C-alpha cells in the first residue's frame, strides 16, 4: 500500500511540474479557474449594460452581477439536464431502430465472441469469472428463463462464444466458458494483453465481432437482444470499435492525478508516462478518455489493428503507468480515430457482477 499523504503530495508536485509544459503544447486546454474568471468578467460586462444598473455604484453592480450569474448558471444547468435526457432518448430510439434493421438483414449470422481475462497467483485468491450458463452458447439456450432473452429469435439463432484468458489451469468456470491458458506471456502486466491483443489468439480467428469485458463485469442479460445490432454497427463502421466515454470527462493529466489519489499506480510510473506523453509532438491533454472495462471491436478492422499495435508497442515496454486509459486516450488521438459510442450502466450492454472482486481491491507495488 502507498502512503496517502505521499500520494497526495505527488499529485501536487506533478501538477506543478508539468502544468507549464502542458500549457506550451498546441492544445485547446482551458483551466477551470480561468474559465470561471472569464465567465465572471463577461458577466460583469453584461450586467454593466443592463438598464437600471448604475455604473457608479460598484457594490450594487457586484451584487447584481453575482445574482445575475447565479440565475444564468441555474438556467444553464436545467437546460443541459433536459438536453442530456433528450440525447439519451434519441440514442435509445436509434438503438431500437438498428435492432429492427439488423433483424431484417439477418444479422443473426454474425458470430460474436465474448472475451475476458483473469490472472492470479492462485485459484483461491483470483477473481471468479461470471456465470454465463444462462446465455446462448453456439446457438443453444442453456437454462434460460428470462423472457427478455428468449423472446427474440434473432438472438436465439446467434452464436455466442465465451473465451477466458487465464494463467490458472485449474480455475473452475461455469458451463459455456472456453479457457485459454496462458503461462508463457513474456510480460509482467500480462492481464492487459488479452484486452488489446487477444484477437491474435488462434482460437479467436473465427470471431467476427469481439466484446471484451474485465473479470468483474458480465453481459447484461436484459440487453442480449441488442448485441446483434451493435455487432453489425461495429462491422459497418470505419473504425471498427465501440466504447463508453469516461463519465467525468477528465483530461489525461487529471486522470493521472486521480490514479495517484486512488493509489492505482505509483508516482514513478505516472511520472514516466507524463514525461513520454509530453515529448510527443501531437499529444493533446484534452484527448477523449474512454472506459476500458468493456468495449466491442472488429478484430479484422485495419484501423483497430493499427491502433492497438501502436498502443502495445509502448505499453509492453512496462516502463510507464499500469493504467491503460491515458495511453489509450493518446493512441486514439494519434491515430485520429473516434469510436462508436456505447451506453454506460445501468442501460449498458454489460453490468458489474457485484458478487465478485472488482478492481477497487487492487493495488500496485514497485513494479
Foldseek 3Di string as FASTA:
>chain_A
DDDLVVLLVLLVVVCVVCVVLQVPAPAPDDDPVVVVVVVLVVLLVVLPPDPPDDPVPVVSSNVVSVVVVVVVVVVVVVVVVVVVVVVVVVVVVVLVVLLVVLVVVLLLAAAEEEEEEWEDPALVPIWAADACQQADAQLDGGPHDDCLQPVDVSLSSHHYAYEYEYQYPPHDYHPRYDYDHDDPDPFPLVNCCCLQPVCPDPVNVVHQKYKYAYRQKDFDSNCSSSVSSVSVVLVPDLQFKEFAFDPVQAFLSVVLSVCSSLQAWDSQQAVVVSVVLSPDNQRRRNQTWTDSRMMMGGSPRPNSVVLSVVLCVPVRVVSHTSDRGSSSSRSCSVSVHDHHYADDPPPGRMDGNVVIDDCSPDHDDDD
